[in-house]
N, C-alpha and C. Protein backbone atom coordinates (compact mmCIF):
# COMPACT_ATOMS: atom_id res chain seq x y z
N UNK A 1 17.25 -38.79 18.07
CA UNK A 1 16.56 -37.54 17.89
C UNK A 1 17.36 -36.44 18.60
N UNK A 2 17.54 -35.33 17.90
CA UNK A 2 18.31 -34.24 18.49
C UNK A 2 17.37 -33.12 18.95
N UNK A 3 17.84 -32.38 19.91
CA UNK A 3 17.07 -31.25 20.45
C UNK A 3 17.91 -30.00 20.26
N UNK A 4 17.28 -28.97 19.74
CA UNK A 4 17.99 -27.71 19.53
C UNK A 4 17.47 -26.68 20.53
N UNK A 5 18.40 -26.05 21.22
CA UNK A 5 18.04 -24.99 22.16
C UNK A 5 18.32 -23.66 21.46
N UNK A 6 17.28 -22.88 21.27
CA UNK A 6 17.45 -21.62 20.55
C UNK A 6 17.72 -20.45 21.47
N UNK A 7 17.30 -20.56 22.70
CA UNK A 7 17.52 -19.45 23.63
C UNK A 7 17.75 -20.01 25.02
N UNK A 8 18.71 -19.45 25.69
CA UNK A 8 19.01 -19.84 27.05
C UNK A 8 18.81 -18.61 27.93
N UNK A 9 17.95 -18.72 28.91
CA UNK A 9 17.71 -17.62 29.83
C UNK A 9 18.36 -17.93 31.16
N UNK A 10 19.08 -16.97 31.68
CA UNK A 10 19.72 -17.13 32.98
C UNK A 10 19.19 -16.03 33.89
N UNK A 11 18.60 -16.44 34.98
CA UNK A 11 18.09 -15.47 35.94
C UNK A 11 19.07 -15.40 37.10
N UNK A 12 19.34 -14.19 37.54
CA UNK A 12 20.25 -14.03 38.67
C UNK A 12 19.85 -12.80 39.48
N UNK A 13 20.29 -12.79 40.68
CA UNK A 13 20.11 -11.64 41.56
C UNK A 13 21.47 -11.02 41.81
N UNK A 14 21.53 -9.71 41.69
CA UNK A 14 22.77 -9.00 41.91
C UNK A 14 22.65 -8.28 43.24
N UNK A 15 23.60 -8.54 44.10
CA UNK A 15 23.58 -7.94 45.43
C UNK A 15 24.72 -6.95 45.51
N UNK A 16 24.39 -5.72 45.86
CA UNK A 16 25.42 -4.70 46.04
C UNK A 16 26.05 -4.89 47.41
N UNK A 17 27.34 -4.93 47.46
CA UNK A 17 28.04 -5.10 48.73
C UNK A 17 28.80 -3.83 49.04
N UNK A 18 28.89 -3.54 50.30
CA UNK A 18 29.69 -2.39 50.72
C UNK A 18 31.13 -2.82 50.86
N UNK A 19 31.99 -1.88 51.00
CA UNK A 19 33.41 -2.20 51.17
C UNK A 19 33.66 -3.08 52.39
N UNK A 20 32.89 -2.88 53.43
CA UNK A 20 33.08 -3.67 54.64
C UNK A 20 32.72 -5.13 54.43
N UNK A 21 31.76 -5.37 53.55
CA UNK A 21 31.33 -6.76 53.30
C UNK A 21 32.23 -7.46 52.29
N UNK A 22 32.93 -6.70 51.48
CA UNK A 22 33.73 -7.28 50.40
C UNK A 22 35.19 -7.33 50.83
N UNK A 23 35.65 -8.49 51.27
CA UNK A 23 37.05 -8.58 51.70
C UNK A 23 37.99 -8.33 50.51
N UNK A 24 39.15 -7.95 50.81
CA UNK A 24 40.14 -7.69 49.78
C UNK A 24 40.40 -8.95 48.96
N UNK A 25 40.11 -8.85 47.67
CA UNK A 25 40.28 -10.01 46.79
C UNK A 25 41.66 -9.99 46.15
N UNK A 26 42.21 -11.16 45.91
CA UNK A 26 43.48 -11.20 45.18
C UNK A 26 43.30 -10.61 43.78
N UNK A 27 44.34 -10.08 43.24
CA UNK A 27 44.30 -9.45 41.92
C UNK A 27 43.76 -10.41 40.85
N UNK A 28 44.11 -11.67 40.94
CA UNK A 28 43.64 -12.66 39.98
C UNK A 28 42.11 -12.73 39.94
N UNK A 29 41.47 -12.67 41.10
CA UNK A 29 40.01 -12.71 41.17
C UNK A 29 39.40 -11.44 40.61
N UNK A 30 40.02 -10.32 40.89
CA UNK A 30 39.51 -9.05 40.35
C UNK A 30 39.57 -9.05 38.83
N UNK A 31 40.67 -9.55 38.29
CA UNK A 31 40.80 -9.62 36.84
C UNK A 31 39.76 -10.56 36.24
N UNK A 32 39.57 -11.69 36.88
CA UNK A 32 38.57 -12.64 36.41
C UNK A 32 37.18 -12.01 36.44
N UNK A 33 36.87 -11.32 37.53
CA UNK A 33 35.58 -10.65 37.66
C UNK A 33 35.39 -9.63 36.54
N UNK A 34 36.40 -8.84 36.25
CA UNK A 34 36.31 -7.85 35.19
C UNK A 34 36.14 -8.51 33.82
N UNK A 35 36.83 -9.62 33.60
CA UNK A 35 36.69 -10.35 32.34
C UNK A 35 35.26 -10.86 32.17
N UNK A 36 34.71 -11.42 33.22
CA UNK A 36 33.35 -11.95 33.16
C UNK A 36 32.35 -10.81 32.92
N UNK A 37 32.51 -9.72 33.63
CA UNK A 37 31.61 -8.58 33.44
C UNK A 37 31.72 -8.02 32.02
N UNK A 38 32.91 -7.95 31.49
CA UNK A 38 33.10 -7.46 30.12
C UNK A 38 32.40 -8.37 29.11
N UNK A 39 32.55 -9.66 29.31
CA UNK A 39 31.90 -10.61 28.41
C UNK A 39 30.38 -10.52 28.51
N UNK A 40 29.85 -10.35 29.72
CA UNK A 40 28.40 -10.19 29.90
C UNK A 40 27.91 -8.93 29.18
N UNK A 41 28.65 -7.85 29.32
CA UNK A 41 28.26 -6.60 28.64
C UNK A 41 28.25 -6.80 27.13
N UNK A 42 29.26 -7.48 26.62
CA UNK A 42 29.34 -7.73 25.17
C UNK A 42 28.16 -8.57 24.70
N UNK A 43 27.82 -9.59 25.47
CA UNK A 43 26.70 -10.46 25.09
C UNK A 43 25.38 -9.69 25.12
N UNK A 44 25.21 -8.83 26.09
CA UNK A 44 23.99 -8.03 26.17
C UNK A 44 23.91 -7.07 24.99
N UNK A 45 25.04 -6.41 24.68
CA UNK A 45 25.07 -5.50 23.52
C UNK A 45 24.72 -6.25 22.24
N UNK A 46 25.32 -7.43 22.05
CA UNK A 46 25.04 -8.23 20.86
C UNK A 46 23.57 -8.62 20.78
N UNK A 47 23.03 -9.02 21.90
CA UNK A 47 21.62 -9.42 21.95
C UNK A 47 20.71 -8.24 21.60
N UNK A 48 20.99 -7.09 22.18
CA UNK A 48 20.19 -5.90 21.87
C UNK A 48 20.32 -5.51 20.41
N UNK A 49 21.51 -5.64 19.86
CA UNK A 49 21.72 -5.32 18.46
C UNK A 49 20.92 -6.25 17.56
N UNK A 50 20.93 -7.53 17.87
CA UNK A 50 20.15 -8.49 17.09
C UNK A 50 18.66 -8.17 17.14
N UNK A 51 18.19 -7.77 18.32
CA UNK A 51 16.78 -7.42 18.47
C UNK A 51 16.43 -6.19 17.63
N UNK A 52 17.33 -5.23 17.56
CA UNK A 52 17.11 -4.03 16.76
C UNK A 52 17.11 -4.35 15.27
N UNK A 53 17.91 -5.33 14.87
CA UNK A 53 18.03 -5.70 13.47
C UNK A 53 16.78 -6.41 12.94
N UNK A 54 15.99 -6.94 13.82
CA UNK A 54 14.80 -7.67 13.38
C UNK A 54 13.73 -6.79 12.86
């Protein structure tokens, strides 16, 4: 028997950090962070668009 997941909800808390709390990250980590944030924005836009289309 197979199970289909139609929606996945991810709950998270976002904590704003000051410059003093955020140590200097290597460029590789900054790029990765930006890639992840870009993908999250795209997914949110797509989700909102689908909701509008309904």
